[in-house]
């Protein structure tokens, strides 16, 4: 397996939290950070896709957001000041 070795630095408390999280997940710190990085990249791509959709089709309605939350099993969120400005 080909790997890309990286050296990273972070605040000590964050490093300790990453080690604990990796241990709880039964993973190496490297594998845990790689998975977290992949998650972040997917989330960023999804955010860009949703922004593009809203730019082309208009903002999601409160009903659409509530339905999505229900479908995903997430708690409904109160509107933020930013979402109220749309």
Protein backbone atom coordinates (compact mmCIF):
# COMPACT_ATOMS: atom_id res chain seq x y z
CA UNK A 1 0.00 0.00 0.00
CA UNK A 2 1.38 3.40 -0.98
CA UNK A 3 1.12 6.08 1.72
CA UNK A 4 1.84 9.78 1.92
CA UNK A 5 3.71 10.55 5.12
CA UNK A 6 2.87 13.85 6.74
CA UNK A 7 4.12 15.51 9.87
CA UNK A 8 1.55 17.62 11.68
CA UNK A 9 1.54 19.80 14.74
CA UNK A 10 -1.37 20.73 16.95
CA UNK A 11 -2.16 22.12 20.35
CA UNK A 12 -1.34 19.62 23.13
CA UNK A 13 -4.96 19.34 24.29
CA UNK A 14 -6.10 18.62 20.74
CA UNK A 15 -3.38 15.99 20.33
CA UNK A 16 -4.43 14.32 23.58
CA UNK A 17 -8.07 14.36 22.48
CA UNK A 18 -7.13 12.81 19.12
CA UNK A 19 -5.17 10.05 20.86
CA UNK A 20 -8.12 9.29 23.16
CA UNK A 21 -10.58 9.29 20.28
CA UNK A 22 -8.36 6.97 18.23
CA UNK A 23 -8.01 4.61 21.19
CA UNK A 24 -11.80 4.55 21.72
CA UNK A 25 -12.24 3.76 18.02
CA UNK A 26 -9.61 1.01 18.19
CA UNK A 27 -7.52 2.75 15.55
CA UNK A 28 -4.05 4.17 15.26
CA UNK A 29 -3.81 7.94 15.55
CA UNK A 30 -2.70 8.07 11.91
CA UNK A 31 -5.74 6.08 10.75
CA UNK A 32 -8.07 8.17 12.91
CA UNK A 33 -6.67 11.45 11.57
CA UNK A 34 -6.84 10.13 7.99
CA UNK A 35 -10.50 9.18 8.50
CA UNK A 36 -11.26 12.57 10.07
CA UNK A 37 -9.56 14.28 7.14
CA UNK A 38 -11.60 12.26 4.64
CA UNK A 39 -14.78 13.16 6.54
CA UNK A 40 -13.87 16.86 6.44
CA UNK A 41 -13.15 16.72 2.70
CA UNK A 42 -16.53 15.04 2.04
CA UNK A 43 -18.34 17.56 4.25
CA UNK A 44 -16.67 20.48 2.46
CA UNK A 45 -17.61 19.02 -0.95
CA UNK A 46 -21.20 18.53 0.20
CA UNK A 47 -21.33 22.10 1.49
CA UNK A 48 -20.10 23.44 -1.86
CA UNK A 49 -22.65 21.30 -3.72
CA UNK A 50 -25.48 22.54 -1.51
CA UNK A 51 -24.34 26.15 -1.92
CA UNK A 52 -24.28 25.71 -5.70
CA UNK A 53 -27.74 24.12 -5.66
CA UNK A 54 -29.16 26.98 -3.60
CA UNK A 55 -27.49 29.56 -5.85
CA UNK A 56 -29.17 27.98 -8.88
CA UNK A 57 -32.51 26.92 -7.38
CA UNK A 58 -33.00 29.26 -4.42
CA UNK A 59 -32.63 28.62 -0.71
CA UNK A 60 -34.08 25.56 0.93
CA UNK A 61 -37.38 26.23 2.66
CA UNK A 62 -37.89 25.61 6.36
CA UNK A 63 -40.14 22.67 5.44
CA UNK A 64 -37.44 21.14 3.22
CA UNK A 65 -34.82 21.51 5.95
CA UNK A 66 -37.18 19.99 8.53
CA UNK A 67 -37.96 17.06 6.22
CA UNK A 68 -34.24 16.48 5.62
CA UNK A 69 -33.56 16.55 9.37
CA UNK A 70 -36.36 14.07 9.98
CA UNK A 71 -35.15 11.76 7.20
CA UNK A 72 -31.60 11.81 8.55
CA UNK A 73 -32.76 11.33 12.13
CA UNK A 74 -31.28 14.67 13.20
CA UNK A 75 -32.81 17.12 15.65
CA UNK A 76 -34.44 20.07 14.00
CA UNK A 77 -32.39 23.19 14.36
CA UNK A 78 -33.67 26.62 15.16
CA UNK A 79 -33.11 29.14 12.39
CA UNK A 80 -29.94 31.20 12.71
CA UNK A 81 -29.68 34.91 11.99
CA UNK A 82 -27.88 34.01 8.75
CA UNK A 83 -30.66 31.69 7.58
CA UNK A 84 -33.30 34.28 8.43
CA UNK A 85 -31.62 36.80 6.09
CA UNK A 86 -32.16 34.59 3.05
